[in-house]
């Protein structure tokens, strides 16, 4: 099972919508949100998520969804 973790502080970049789209479209993934994932420098710059403990970044929340989708 794919584990996808989001930081709630990163929701300012629209990643909350990305998280919801992933939950709706990939029921085989464990999608969670944490208050902080410890990637504060990356979190302040743009959208990101941890996929199986690998940092995935993108320019927009939609691009992040597309990058994660290819990993599913």
N, C-alpha and C. Protein backbone atom coordinates (compact mmCIF):
# COMPACT_ATOMS: atom_id res chain seq x y z
N UNK A 1 0.85 -1.18 0.00
CA UNK A 1 0.00 0.00 0.00
C UNK A 1 0.89 1.24 0.00
N UNK A 2 0.51 2.20 -0.80
CA UNK A 2 1.24 3.47 -0.88
C UNK A 2 0.84 4.36 0.28
N UNK A 3 1.84 4.93 0.96
CA UNK A 3 1.59 5.87 2.05
C UNK A 3 1.89 7.27 1.56
N UNK A 4 0.92 8.17 1.72
CA UNK A 4 1.08 9.56 1.30
C UNK A 4 0.78 10.45 2.49
N UNK A 5 1.75 11.28 2.87
CA UNK A 5 1.60 12.14 4.03
C UNK A 5 1.67 13.60 3.61
N UNK A 6 0.75 14.39 4.15
CA UNK A 6 0.70 15.82 3.90
C UNK A 6 0.89 16.58 5.20
N UNK A 7 1.46 17.77 5.08
CA UNK A 7 1.61 18.68 6.22
C UNK A 7 0.48 19.71 6.15
N UNK A 8 -0.25 19.87 7.25
CA UNK A 8 -1.37 20.82 7.22
C UNK A 8 -0.88 22.26 7.05
N UNK A 9 0.36 22.55 7.41
CA UNK A 9 0.91 23.89 7.19
C UNK A 9 1.11 24.18 5.71
N UNK A 10 1.17 23.15 4.89
CA UNK A 10 1.37 23.29 3.45
C UNK A 10 0.05 23.49 2.71
N UNK A 11 -1.06 23.44 3.41
CA UNK A 11 -2.37 23.60 2.78
C UNK A 11 -2.52 24.98 2.14
N UNK A 12 -1.71 25.95 2.53
CA UNK A 12 -1.78 27.29 1.93
C UNK A 12 -1.46 27.24 0.43
N UNK A 13 -0.82 26.16 -0.01
CA UNK A 13 -0.49 25.99 -1.43
C UNK A 13 -1.55 25.15 -2.16
N UNK A 14 -2.65 24.85 -1.51
CA UNK A 14 -3.73 24.09 -2.14
C UNK A 14 -3.60 22.59 -2.02
N UNK A 15 -2.68 22.13 -1.19
CA UNK A 15 -2.46 20.68 -1.10
C UNK A 15 -3.60 19.95 -0.39
N UNK A 16 -4.48 20.68 0.31
CA UNK A 16 -5.63 20.02 0.92
C UNK A 16 -6.54 19.45 -0.17
N UNK A 17 -6.72 20.17 -1.27
CA UNK A 17 -7.51 19.67 -2.40
C UNK A 17 -6.82 18.46 -3.04
N UNK A 18 -5.50 18.52 -3.14
CA UNK A 18 -4.73 17.39 -3.68
C UNK A 18 -4.94 16.16 -2.83
N UNK A 19 -4.88 16.34 -1.52
CA UNK A 19 -5.08 15.24 -0.59
C UNK A 19 -6.47 14.62 -0.77
N UNK A 20 -7.49 15.45 -0.88
CA UNK A 20 -8.85 14.96 -1.04
C UNK A 20 -9.03 14.22 -2.36
N UNK A 21 -8.42 14.74 -3.44
CA UNK A 21 -8.51 14.07 -4.74
C UNK A 21 -7.84 12.70 -4.68
N UNK A 22 -6.72 12.60 -3.99
CA UNK A 22 -6.03 11.32 -3.86
C UNK A 22 -6.88 10.33 -3.06
N UNK A 23 -7.48 10.79 -1.97
CA UNK A 23 -8.34 9.92 -1.16
C UNK A 23 -9.52 9.42 -1.98
N UNK A 24 -10.09 10.29 -2.80
CA UNK A 24 -11.27 9.93 -3.59
C UNK A 24 -10.93 8.98 -4.74
N UNK A 25 -9.75 9.12 -5.32
CA UNK A 25 -9.41 8.38 -6.53
C UNK A 25 -8.53 7.14 -6.31
N UNK A 26 -7.87 7.06 -5.16
CA UNK A 26 -6.95 5.94 -4.92
C UNK A 26 -7.23 5.34 -3.54
N UNK A 27 -8.23 4.47 -3.49
CA UNK A 27 -8.62 3.87 -2.22
C UNK A 27 -7.56 2.90 -1.69
N UNK A 28 -6.62 2.52 -2.55
CA UNK A 28 -5.55 1.62 -2.12
C UNK A 28 -4.40 2.37 -1.46
N UNK A 29 -4.51 3.70 -1.33
CA UNK A 29 -3.46 4.50 -0.72
C UNK A 29 -3.87 4.91 0.69
N UNK A 30 -2.88 4.98 1.57
CA UNK A 30 -3.10 5.46 2.94
C UNK A 30 -2.70 6.94 2.94
N UNK A 31 -3.69 7.82 2.85
CA UNK A 31 -3.45 9.26 2.76
C UNK A 31 -3.74 9.89 4.12
N UNK A 32 -2.72 10.55 4.70
CA UNK A 32 -2.87 11.15 6.02
C UNK A 32 -2.35 12.57 6.02
N UNK A 33 -2.74 13.29 7.06
CA UNK A 33 -2.26 14.65 7.26
C UNK A 33 -1.69 14.75 8.68
N UNK A 34 -0.58 15.48 8.79
CA UNK A 34 0.05 15.69 10.09
C UNK A 34 0.17 17.20 10.34
N UNK A 35 0.30 17.56 11.58
CA UNK A 35 0.45 18.98 11.89
C UNK A 35 1.80 19.51 11.42
N UNK A 36 2.82 18.64 11.36
CA UNK A 36 4.14 19.02 10.85
C UNK A 36 4.89 17.75 10.48
N UNK A 37 5.52 17.77 9.31
CA UNK A 37 6.31 16.62 8.86
C UNK A 37 7.81 16.86 9.00
N UNK A 38 8.20 18.07 9.43
CA UNK A 38 9.61 18.36 9.65
C UNK A 38 10.38 18.82 8.42
N UNK A 39 9.68 19.18 7.37
CA UNK A 39 10.31 19.68 6.14
C UNK A 39 9.98 21.17 5.99
N UNK A 40 10.22 21.93 7.04
CA UNK A 40 9.76 23.33 7.10
C UNK A 40 10.31 24.19 5.97
N UNK A 41 11.55 24.00 5.58
CA UNK A 41 12.13 24.78 4.48
C UNK A 41 11.41 24.50 3.18
N UNK A 42 11.14 23.24 2.89
CA UNK A 42 10.42 22.85 1.67
C UNK A 42 8.95 23.26 1.77
N UNK A 43 8.39 23.16 2.94
CA UNK A 43 6.98 23.48 3.17
C UNK A 43 6.71 24.96 2.88
N UNK A 44 7.66 25.83 3.18
CA UNK A 44 7.48 27.27 2.98
C UNK A 44 7.61 27.68 1.51
N UNK A 45 8.18 26.81 0.68
CA UNK A 45 8.49 27.16 -0.70
C UNK A 45 7.38 26.78 -1.67
N UNK A 46 6.74 25.63 -1.47
CA UNK A 46 5.71 25.19 -2.41
C UNK A 46 5.08 23.89 -2.00
N UNK A 47 4.16 23.38 -2.83
CA UNK A 47 3.44 22.15 -2.53
C UNK A 47 4.37 20.94 -2.46
N UNK A 48 4.11 20.10 -1.47
CA UNK A 48 4.88 18.86 -1.36
C UNK A 48 4.09 17.82 -0.58
N UNK A 49 4.55 16.60 -0.68
CA UNK A 49 4.01 15.49 0.09
C UNK A 49 5.11 14.45 0.24
N UNK A 50 4.96 13.58 1.19
CA UNK A 50 5.85 12.43 1.34
C UNK A 50 5.12 11.21 0.81
N UNK A 51 5.70 10.57 -0.18
CA UNK A 51 5.12 9.36 -0.75
C UNK A 51 6.08 8.22 -0.43
N UNK A 52 5.61 7.30 0.41
CA UNK A 52 6.47 6.22 0.90
C UNK A 52 7.79 6.79 1.42
N UNK A 53 7.68 7.86 2.20
CA UNK A 53 8.81 8.56 2.83
C UNK A 53 9.74 9.28 1.85
N UNK A 54 9.35 9.42 0.59
CA UNK A 54 10.12 10.16 -0.40
C UNK A 54 9.48 11.53 -0.60
N UNK A 55 10.27 12.60 -0.50
CA UNK A 55 9.78 13.95 -0.68
C UNK A 55 9.46 14.20 -2.15
N UNK A 56 8.21 14.57 -2.42
CA UNK A 56 7.76 14.89 -3.77
C UNK A 56 7.31 16.34 -3.77
N UNK A 57 7.91 17.16 -4.66
CA UNK A 57 7.59 18.57 -4.73
C UNK A 57 7.10 18.92 -6.13
N UNK A 58 6.36 20.04 -6.21
CA UNK A 58 5.86 20.50 -7.51
C UNK A 58 5.63 22.01 -7.43
N UNK A 59 5.41 22.60 -8.59
CA UNK A 59 5.18 24.04 -8.65
C UNK A 59 3.77 24.45 -8.23
N UNK A 60 2.81 23.55 -8.44
CA UNK A 60 1.42 23.81 -8.04
C UNK A 60 0.83 22.56 -7.41
N UNK A 61 -0.30 22.73 -6.75
CA UNK A 61 -0.98 21.58 -6.15
C UNK A 61 -1.45 20.60 -7.22
N UNK A 62 -1.89 21.11 -8.37
CA UNK A 62 -2.32 20.22 -9.46
C UNK A 62 -1.15 19.41 -10.01
N UNK A 63 0.00 20.05 -10.14
CA UNK A 63 1.20 19.33 -10.59
C UNK A 63 1.60 18.27 -9.58
N UNK A 64 1.45 18.58 -8.30
CA UNK A 64 1.77 17.61 -7.26
C UNK A 64 0.86 16.39 -7.40
N UNK A 65 -0.42 16.61 -7.62
CA UNK A 65 -1.35 15.50 -7.81
C UNK A 65 -0.90 14.64 -8.99
N UNK A 66 -0.54 15.26 -10.10
CA UNK A 66 -0.13 14.50 -11.29
C UNK A 66 1.16 13.71 -11.03
N UNK A 67 2.10 14.30 -10.30
CA UNK A 67 3.35 13.58 -9.98
C UNK A 67 3.06 12.38 -9.09
N UNK A 68 2.21 12.57 -8.10
CA UNK A 68 1.90 11.46 -7.19
C UNK A 68 1.10 10.40 -7.93
N UNK A 69 0.19 10.81 -8.80
CA UNK A 69 -0.64 9.87 -9.55
C UNK A 69 0.23 8.91 -10.37
N UNK A 70 1.32 9.38 -10.93
CA UNK A 70 2.20 8.52 -11.72
C UNK A 70 2.93 7.49 -10.86
N UNK A 71 2.96 7.72 -9.55
CA UNK A 71 3.64 6.80 -8.64
C UNK A 71 2.70 5.71 -8.11
N UNK A 72 1.43 5.81 -8.42
CA UNK A 72 0.45 4.88 -7.89
C UNK A 72 0.40 3.59 -8.68
